[in-house]
Amino acid sequence: MKRQLRLGVLASGRGSNLQAIVNACEAGQINAVVAIVISDVAEAYALERGRRYGIEAAFIDSTRHRTRNDFDAAVLDLLRKRDVELVCLAGYMRLLSPSFVEAYKNRIMNIHPALLPAFPGLHVQRKALQYGLKFSGCTVHFVDEGVDTGPIIIQAVVPVLDNDTEEDLSARILAYEHRIYPRAIQLFAEGRLEIRGRRVLCHGTDTPQQQEKQAWGAINP
């Protein structure tokens, strides 16, 4: 069996995407192991999720660090000591400093509940409804120094229904997040992703039909 990729998951909330990653690791869908879960919120349920699976779970108190760089340095120290190779953001509500992004350049992923580059940032389901979109979705992308501006790996399309509330749409999108995030991680673990400028190419998808399925996570409705 190939050596397992070592993941570090950063989360600020309940950690449902962390759960999806752990489930996929345990099911053999990802050749990886979550080495550590780190949160900037002491009561984040993501930490409890990690502990339930015997994963080290660490809270780092931002009030004990004077600057964002100082805080990120503490996070980086833990990641490096656990030999983390890929950092996965799962509802992490802090912007990463340029020094953090550089330390793990092209080795940080994020999941965003919209079809980037549309609607970066927060409250994206509200914006989708306000704009009257017929389709929304979610995006896994590499992280750069901007806000949800990094190269796109996989997207999934989710319909917006006429009677949707923010909560309805969020829940429908979340189900797809839990499917495409593990897939993106496995592609990384297999060494199949190549970044060329703003494009992420997936090697091993030879035909246009295979490329189309890969780009959309093979799950678009």
C-alpha atoms as a PDB file:
ATOM      1  CA  MET A   1       0.000   0.000   0.000  1.00  0.00           C
ATOM      2  CA  LYS A   2       1.281   3.459  -0.868  1.00  0.00           C
ATOM      3  CA  ARG A   3       2.307   5.759   1.948  1.00  0.00           C
ATOM      4  CA  GLN A   4      -0.639   7.761   3.248  1.00  0.00           C
ATOM      5  CA  LEU A   5      -0.722  11.500   2.679  1.00  0.00           C
ATOM      6  CA  ARG A   6      -0.669  13.381   5.991  1.00  0.00           C
ATOM      7  CA  LEU A   7      -3.459  15.963   6.298  1.00  0.00           C
ATOM      8  CA  GLY A   8      -3.869  18.890   8.646  1.00  0.00           C
ATOM      9  CA  VAL A   9      -7.429  20.218   8.908  1.00  0.00           C
ATOM     10  CA  LEU A  10      -8.156  23.775  10.083  1.00  0.00           C
ATOM     11  CA  ALA A  11     -11.729  24.429  11.213  1.00  0.00           C
ATOM     12  CA  SER A  12     -13.594  27.081  13.191  1.00  0.00           C
ATOM     13  CA  GLY A  13     -17.011  25.470  13.529  1.00  0.00           C
ATOM     14  CA  ARG A  14     -18.849  22.171  13.511  1.00  0.00           C
ATOM     15  CA  GLY A  15     -16.493  20.485  11.049  1.00  0.00           C
ATOM     16  CA  SER A  16     -18.907  18.631   8.797  1.00  0.00           C
ATOM     17  CA  ASN A  17     -16.363  18.671   5.973  1.00  0.00           C
ATOM     18  CA  LEU A  18     -13.790  17.323   8.408  1.00  0.00           C
ATOM     19  CA  GLN A  19     -16.200  14.458   9.077  1.00  0.00           C
ATOM     20  CA  ALA A  20     -16.540  13.809   5.345  1.00  0.00           C
ATOM     21  CA  ILE A  21     -12.740  13.701   5.000  1.00  0.00           C
ATOM     22  CA  VAL A  22     -12.339  11.338   7.964  1.00  0.00           C
ATOM     23  CA  ASN A  23     -15.101   9.083   6.635  1.00  0.00           C
ATOM     24  CA  ALA A  24     -13.454   8.947   3.211  1.00  0.00           C
ATOM     25  CA  CYS A  25     -10.063   8.136   4.763  1.00  0.00           C
ATOM     26  CA  GLU A  26     -11.555   5.308   6.806  1.00  0.00           C
ATOM     27  CA  ALA A  27     -13.422   3.948   3.772  1.00  0.00           C
ATOM     28  CA  GLY A  28     -10.248   3.890   1.702  1.00  0.00           C
ATOM     29  CA  GLN A  29     -11.552   6.529  -0.697  1.00  0.00           C
ATOM     30  CA  ILE A  30      -8.618   8.774   0.207  1.00  0.00           C
ATOM     31  CA  ASN A  31      -5.132   7.397   0.644  1.00  0.00           C
ATOM     32  CA  ALA A  32      -4.506   9.773   3.523  1.00  0.00           C
ATOM     33  CA  VAL A  33      -4.698  10.199   7.273  1.00  0.00           C
ATOM     34  CA  VAL A  34      -5.754  13.256   9.262  1.00  0.00           C
ATOM     35  CA  ALA A  35      -2.709  13.938  11.435  1.00  0.00           C
ATOM     36  CA  ILE A  36      -4.132  16.900  13.343  1.00  0.00           C
ATOM     37  CA  VAL A  37      -7.184  19.152  13.617  1.00  0.00           C
ATOM     38  CA  ILE A  38      -6.542  22.761  14.618  1.00  0.00           C
ATOM     39  CA  SER A  39      -9.120  25.396  15.555  1.00  0.00           C
ATOM     40  CA  ASP A  40      -9.070  29.032  16.588  1.00  0.00           C
ATOM     41  CA  VAL A  41     -12.332  28.457  18.515  1.00  0.00           C
ATOM     42  CA  ALA A  42     -12.111  26.582  21.812  1.00  0.00           C
ATOM     43  CA  GLU A  43     -15.655  25.198  21.620  1.00  0.00           C
ATOM     44  CA  ALA A  44     -15.554  24.283  17.926  1.00  0.00           C
ATOM     45  CA  TYR A  45     -17.271  20.928  17.479  1.00  0.00           C
ATOM     46  CA  ALA A  46     -14.637  20.042  14.877  1.00  0.00           C
ATOM     47  CA  LEU A  47     -12.219  19.450  17.753  1.00  0.00           C
ATOM     48  CA  GLU A  48     -14.584  16.953  19.348  1.00  0.00           C
ATOM     49  CA  ARG A  49     -15.049  15.198  16.008  1.00  0.00           C
ATOM     50  CA  GLY A  50     -11.292  14.767  15.785  1.00  0.00           C
ATOM     51  CA  ARG A  51     -10.959  13.422  19.317  1.00  0.00           C
ATOM     52  CA  ARG A  52     -13.673  10.837  18.661  1.00  0.00           C
ATOM     53  CA  TYR A  53     -11.430   9.291  16.011  1.00  0.00           C
ATOM     54  CA  GLY A  54      -8.253   9.485  18.055  1.00  0.00           C
ATOM     55  CA  ILE A  55      -6.982  12.447  16.033  1.00  0.00           C
ATOM     56  CA  GLU A  56      -4.955  15.083  17.829  1.00  0.00           C
ATOM     57  CA  ALA A  57      -7.137  18.175  18.273  1.00  0.00           C
ATOM     58  CA  ALA A  58      -5.519  21.501  19.155  1.00  0.00           C
ATOM     59  CA  PHE A  59      -7.019  24.868  20.058  1.00  0.00           C
ATOM     60  CA  ILE A  60      -4.799  27.886  19.461  1.00  0.00           C
ATOM     61  CA  ASP A  61      -5.929  31.028  21.263  1.00  0.00           C
ATOM     62  CA  SER A  62      -5.601  34.050  18.985  1.00  0.00           C
ATOM     63  CA  THR A  63      -5.687  36.416  21.977  1.00  0.00           C
ATOM     64  CA  ARG A  64      -2.323  35.036  23.080  1.00  0.00           C
ATOM     65  CA  HIS A  65      -0.681  36.140  19.838  1.00  0.00           C
ATOM     66  CA  ARG A  66      -0.084  39.781  19.007  1.00  0.00           C
ATOM     67  CA  THR A  67      -0.340  39.591  15.222  1.00  0.00           C
ATOM     68  CA  ARG A  68      -1.827  37.398  12.528  1.00  0.00           C
ATOM     69  CA  ASN A  69       1.689  36.337  11.562  1.00  0.00           C
ATOM     70  CA  ASP A  70       2.388  35.272  15.150  1.00  0.00           C
ATOM     71  CA  PHE A  71      -0.799  33.213  15.262  1.00  0.00           C
ATOM     72  CA  ASP A  72      -0.094  31.589  11.910  1.00  0.00           C
ATOM     73  CA  ALA A  73       3.455  30.812  13.018  1.00  0.00           C
ATOM     74  CA  ALA A  74       2.011  28.829  15.935  1.00  0.00           C
ATOM     75  CA  VAL A  75      -0.281  26.927  13.565  1.00  0.00           C
ATOM     76  CA  LEU A  76       2.585  26.241  11.163  1.00  0.00           C
ATOM     77  CA  ASP A  77       4.726  24.954  14.004  1.00  0.00           C
ATOM     78  CA  LEU A  78       2.120  22.312  14.853  1.00  0.00           C
ATOM     79  CA  LEU A  79       1.611  21.330  11.213  1.00  0.00           C
ATOM     80  CA  ARG A  80       5.320  20.901  10.616  1.00  0.00           C
ATOM     81  CA  LYS A  81       5.852  18.901  13.803  1.00  0.00           C
ATOM     82  CA  ARG A  82       3.128  16.483  12.616  1.00  0.00           C
ATOM     83  CA  ASP A  83       4.692  16.252   9.135  1.00  0.00           C
ATOM     84  CA  VAL A  84       1.540  17.585   7.472  1.00  0.00           C
ATOM     85  CA  GLU A  85       1.796  17.579   3.681  1.00  0.00           C
ATOM     86  CA  LEU A  86      -1.589  19.031   2.699  1.00  0.00           C
ATOM     87  CA  VAL A  87      -3.567  21.611   4.669  1.00  0.00           C
ATOM     88  CA  CYS A  88      -7.353  21.425   4.300  1.00  0.00           C
ATOM     89  CA  LEU A  89      -9.517  24.370   5.357  1.00  0.00           C
ATOM     90  CA  ALA A  90     -12.926  23.213   6.564  1.00  0.00           C
ATOM     91  CA  GLY A  91     -14.973  26.190   7.626  1.00  0.00           C
ATOM     92  CA  TYR A  92     -11.860  28.013   8.846  1.00  0.00           C
ATOM     93  CA  MET A  93     -12.854  31.634   9.438  1.00  0.00           C
ATOM     94  CA  ARG A  94      -9.421  33.241   9.496  1.00  0.00           C
ATOM     95  CA  LEU A  95      -7.543  34.657   6.519  1.00  0.00           C
ATOM     96  CA  LEU A  96      -4.164  33.037   6.105  1.00  0.00           C
ATOM     97  CA  SER A  97      -1.132  35.302   6.162  1.00  0.00           C
ATOM     98  CA  PRO A  98       1.134  35.485   3.105  1.00  0.00           C
ATOM     99  CA  SER A  99       3.858  33.722   5.100  1.00  0.00           C
ATOM    100  CA  PHE A 100       1.491  30.796   5.794  1.00  0.00           C
ATOM    101  CA  VAL A 101       0.468  30.524   2.136  1.00  0.00           C
ATOM    102  CA  GLU A 102       4.106  30.590   1.073  1.00  0.00           C
ATOM    103  CA  ALA A 103       5.066  27.910   3.604  1.00  0.00           C
ATOM    104  CA  TYR A 104       2.497  25.521   2.092  1.00  0.00           C
ATOM    105  CA  LYS A 105       2.415  26.927  -1.424  1.00  0.00           C
ATOM    106  CA  ASN A 106       0.088  24.900  -3.664  1.00  0.00           C
ATOM    107  CA  ARG A 107      -0.539  22.577  -0.706  1.00  0.00           C
ATOM    108  CA  ILE A 108      -3.569  24.281   0.863  1.00  0.00           C
ATOM    109  CA  MET A 109      -7.131  23.471  -0.208  1.00  0.00           C
ATOM    110  CA  ASN A 110     -10.412  25.135   0.635  1.00  0.00           C
ATOM    111  CA  ILE A 111     -14.063  24.328   0.001  1.00  0.00           C
ATOM    112  CA  HIS A 112     -16.371  27.245  -0.847  1.00  0.00           C
ATOM    113  CA  PRO A 113     -20.197  27.061  -1.121  1.00  0.00           C
ATOM    114  CA  ALA A 114     -20.519  28.854  -4.465  1.00  0.00           C
ATOM    115  CA  LEU A 115     -19.347  28.489  -8.052  1.00  0.00           C
ATOM    116  CA  LEU A 116     -16.231  30.635  -7.920  1.00  0.00           C
ATOM    117  CA  PRO A 117     -15.260  33.177  -9.085  1.00  0.00           C
ATOM    118  CA  ALA A 118     -18.874  34.213  -8.402  1.00  0.00           C
ATOM    119  CA  PHE A 119     -19.650  35.165  -4.803  1.00  0.00           C
ATOM    120  CA  PRO A 120     -16.407  34.876  -2.859  1.00  0.00           C
ATOM    121  CA  GLY A 121     -16.447  35.593   0.871  1.00  0.00           C
ATOM    122  CA  LEU A 122     -19.397  35.194   3.225  1.00  0.00           C
ATOM    123  CA  HIS A 123     -23.224  34.894   2.980  1.00  0.00           C
ATOM    124  CA  VAL A 124     -23.002  33.410  -0.500  1.00  0.00           C
ATOM    125  CA  GLN A 125     -26.324  31.547  -0.410  1.00  0.00           C
ATOM    126  CA  ARG A 126     -28.093  34.792   0.480  1.00  0.00           C
ATOM    127  CA  LYS A 127     -26.413  36.464  -2.501  1.00  0.00           C
ATOM    128  CA  ALA A 128     -27.365  33.608  -4.813  1.00  0.00           C
ATOM    129  CA  LEU A 129     -31.016  33.995  -3.849  1.00  0.00           C
ATOM    130  CA  GLN A 130     -30.892  37.790  -4.103  1.00  0.00           C
ATOM    131  CA  TYR A 131     -29.483  37.548  -7.621  1.00  0.00           C
ATOM    132  CA  GLY A 132     -32.118  35.034  -8.666  1.00  0.00           C
ATOM    133  CA  LEU A 133     -29.668  32.359  -9.710  1.00  0.00           C
ATOM    134  CA  LYS A 134     -31.066  29.157 -11.191  1.00  0.00           C
ATOM    135  CA  PHE A 135     -27.918  27.223 -10.294  1.00  0.00           C
ATOM    136  CA  SER A 136     -25.352  27.584  -7.546  1.00  0.00           C
ATOM    137  CA  GLY A 137     -22.899  25.026  -6.208  1.00  0.00           C
ATOM    138  CA  CYS A 138     -19.555  24.559  -4.519  1.00  0.00           C
ATOM    139  CA  THR A 139     -15.883  24.766  -5.395  1.00  0.00           C
ATOM    140  CA  VAL A 140     -12.698  23.131  -4.147  1.00  0.00           C
ATOM    141  CA  HIS A 141      -9.715  25.337  -4.883  1.00  0.00           C
ATOM    142  CA  PHE A 142      -6.095  25.833  -3.957  1.00  0.00           C
ATOM    143  CA  VAL A 143      -5.557  28.737  -1.585  1.00  0.00           C
ATOM    144  CA  ASP A 144      -3.541  31.796  -2.555  1.00  0.00           C
ATOM    145  CA  GLU A 145      -3.175  35.150  -0.818  1.00  0.00           C
ATOM    146  CA  GLY A 146      -6.587  36.416  -1.952  1.00  0.00           C
ATOM    147  CA  VAL A 147     -10.082  35.660  -0.670  1.00  0.00           C
ATOM    148  CA  ASP A 148     -11.359  32.585  -2.534  1.00  0.00           C
ATOM    149  CA  THR A 149      -9.236  33.495  -5.560  1.00  0.00           C
ATOM    150  CA  GLY A 150      -6.995  30.425  -5.910  1.00  0.00           C
ATOM    151  CA  PRO A 151      -6.956  27.979  -8.841  1.00  0.00           C
ATOM    152  CA  ILE A 152     -10.092  25.825  -9.089  1.00  0.00           C
ATOM    153  CA  ILE A 153      -9.796  22.032  -8.746  1.00  0.00           C
ATOM    154  CA  ILE A 154     -13.376  20.686  -8.804  1.00  0.00           C
ATOM    155  CA  GLN A 155     -16.862  22.199  -8.848  1.00  0.00           C
ATOM    156  CA  ALA A 156     -20.349  20.788  -8.426  1.00  0.00           C
ATOM    157  CA  VAL A 157     -23.546  22.390  -9.744  1.00  0.00           C
ATOM    158  CA  VAL A 158     -26.585  22.567  -7.447  1.00  0.00           C
ATOM    159  CA  PRO A 159     -30.038  23.799  -8.565  1.00  0.00           C
ATOM    160  CA  VAL A 160     -31.670  26.741  -6.831  1.00  0.00           C
ATOM    161  CA  LEU A 161     -35.382  26.070  -6.309  1.00  0.00           C
ATOM    162  CA  ASP A 162     -38.070  28.734  -6.369  1.00  0.00           C
ATOM    163  CA  ASN A 163     -39.040  28.263  -2.717  1.00  0.00           C
ATOM    164  CA  ASP A 164     -35.497  27.918  -1.348  1.00  0.00           C
ATOM    165  CA  THR A 165     -34.452  29.649   1.842  1.00  0.00           C
ATOM    166  CA  GLU A 166     -30.810  30.265   2.691  1.00  0.00           C
ATOM    167  CA  GLU A 167     -30.936  27.226   4.951  1.00  0.00           C
ATOM    168  CA  ASP A 168     -32.451  25.005   2.241  1.00  0.00           C
ATOM    169  CA  LEU A 169     -29.849  25.979  -0.327  1.00  0.00           C
ATOM    170  CA  SER A 170     -26.993  25.728   2.161  1.00  0.00           C
ATOM    171  CA  ALA A 171     -27.998  22.191   3.110  1.00  0.00           C
ATOM    172  CA  ARG A 172     -28.295  21.082  -0.525  1.00  0.00           C
ATOM    173  CA  ILE A 173     -24.876  22.536  -1.375  1.00  0.00           C
ATOM    174  CA  LEU A 174     -23.296  21.039   1.748  1.00  0.00           C
ATOM    175  CA  ALA A 175     -24.187  17.532   0.628  1.00  0.00           C
ATOM    176  CA  TYR A 176     -22.148  18.103  -2.524  1.00  0.00           C
ATOM    177  CA  GLU A 177     -19.270  19.657  -0.584  1.00  0.00           C
ATOM    178  CA  HIS A 178     -18.944  16.400   1.327  1.00  0.00           C
ATOM    179  CA  ARG A 179     -18.534  14.536  -1.960  1.00  0.00           C
ATOM    180  CA  ILE A 180     -16.155  16.716  -3.973  1.00  0.00           C
ATOM    181  CA  TYR A 181     -13.737  17.695  -1.179  1.00  0.00           C
ATOM    182  CA  PRO A 182     -12.551  14.116  -0.532  1.00  0.00           C
ATOM    183  CA  ARG A 183     -12.287  13.594  -4.290  1.00  0.00           C
ATOM    184  CA  ALA A 184     -10.004  16.615  -4.684  1.00  0.00           C
ATOM    185  CA  ILE A 185      -7.816  15.405  -1.824  1.00  0.00           C
ATOM    186  CA  GLN A 186      -7.486  11.959  -3.407  1.00  0.00           C
ATOM    187  CA  LEU A 187      -6.439  13.501  -6.724  1.00  0.00           C
ATOM    188  CA  PHE A 188      -3.716  15.381  -4.849  1.00  0.00           C
ATOM    189  CA  ALA A 189      -2.679  12.212  -3.028  1.00  0.00           C
ATOM    190  CA  GLU A 190      -2.364  10.443  -6.385  1.00  0.00           C
ATOM    191  CA  GLY A 191      -0.133  13.223  -7.726  1.00  0.00           C
ATOM    192  CA  ARG A 192      -2.552  13.930 -10.559  1.00  0.00           C
ATOM    193  CA  LEU A 193      -2.995  17.689 -10.110  1.00  0.00           C
ATOM    194  CA  GLU A 194      -0.838  20.239 -11.903  1.00  0.00           C
ATOM    195  CA  ILE A 195      -1.224  24.010 -11.566  1.00  0.00           C
ATOM    196  CA  ARG A 196      -0.578  26.016 -14.716  1.00  0.00           C
ATOM    197  CA  GLY A 197      -1.236  29.668 -14.027  1.00  0.00           C
ATOM    198  CA  ARG A 198      -4.875  29.844 -12.983  1.00  0.00           C
ATOM    199  CA  ARG A 199      -5.723  26.400 -14.333  1.00  0.00           C
ATOM    200  CA  VAL A 200      -5.542  23.091 -12.492  1.00  0.00           C
ATOM    201  CA  LEU A 201      -4.982  20.173 -14.846  1.00  0.00           C
ATOM    202  CA  CYS A 202      -5.873  16.631 -13.824  1.00  0.00           C
ATOM    203  CA  HIS A 203      -3.591  14.037 -15.373  1.00  0.00           C
ATOM    204  CA  GLY A 204      -5.012  10.637 -16.220  1.00  0.00           C
ATOM    205  CA  THR A 205      -8.207  12.014 -17.807  1.00  0.00           C
ATOM    206  CA  ASP A 206      -7.511  11.476 -21.481  1.00  0.00           C
ATOM    207  CA  THR A 207     -10.831  11.955 -23.256  1.00  0.00           C
ATOM    208  CA  PRO A 208     -12.985  15.109 -23.234  1.00  0.00           C
ATOM    209  CA  GLN A 209     -15.723  13.099 -21.497  1.00  0.00           C
ATOM    210  CA  GLN A 210     -13.335  12.036 -18.718  1.00  0.00           C
ATOM    211  CA  GLN A 211     -12.084  15.603 -18.331  1.00  0.00           C
ATOM    212  CA  GLU A 212     -15.651  16.886 -18.056  1.00  0.00           C
ATOM    213  CA  LYS A 213     -16.531  14.355 -15.370  1.00  0.00           C
ATOM    214  CA  GLN A 214     -13.364  15.158 -13.426  1.00  0.00           C
ATOM    215  CA  ALA A 215     -13.815  18.923 -13.538  1.00  0.00           C
ATOM    216  CA  TRP A 216     -17.319  18.609 -12.107  1.00  0.00           C
ATOM    217  CA  GLY A 217     -16.511  15.883  -9.656  1.00  0.00           C
ATOM    218  CA  ALA A 218     -18.567  13.443 -11.741  1.00  0.00           C
ATOM    219  CA  ILE A 219     -21.598  14.317  -9.628  1.00  0.00           C
ATOM    220  CA  ASN A 220     -23.308  17.295 -11.224  1.00  0.00           C
ATOM    221  CA  PRO A 221     -27.089  16.791 -11.262  1.00  0.00           C
END
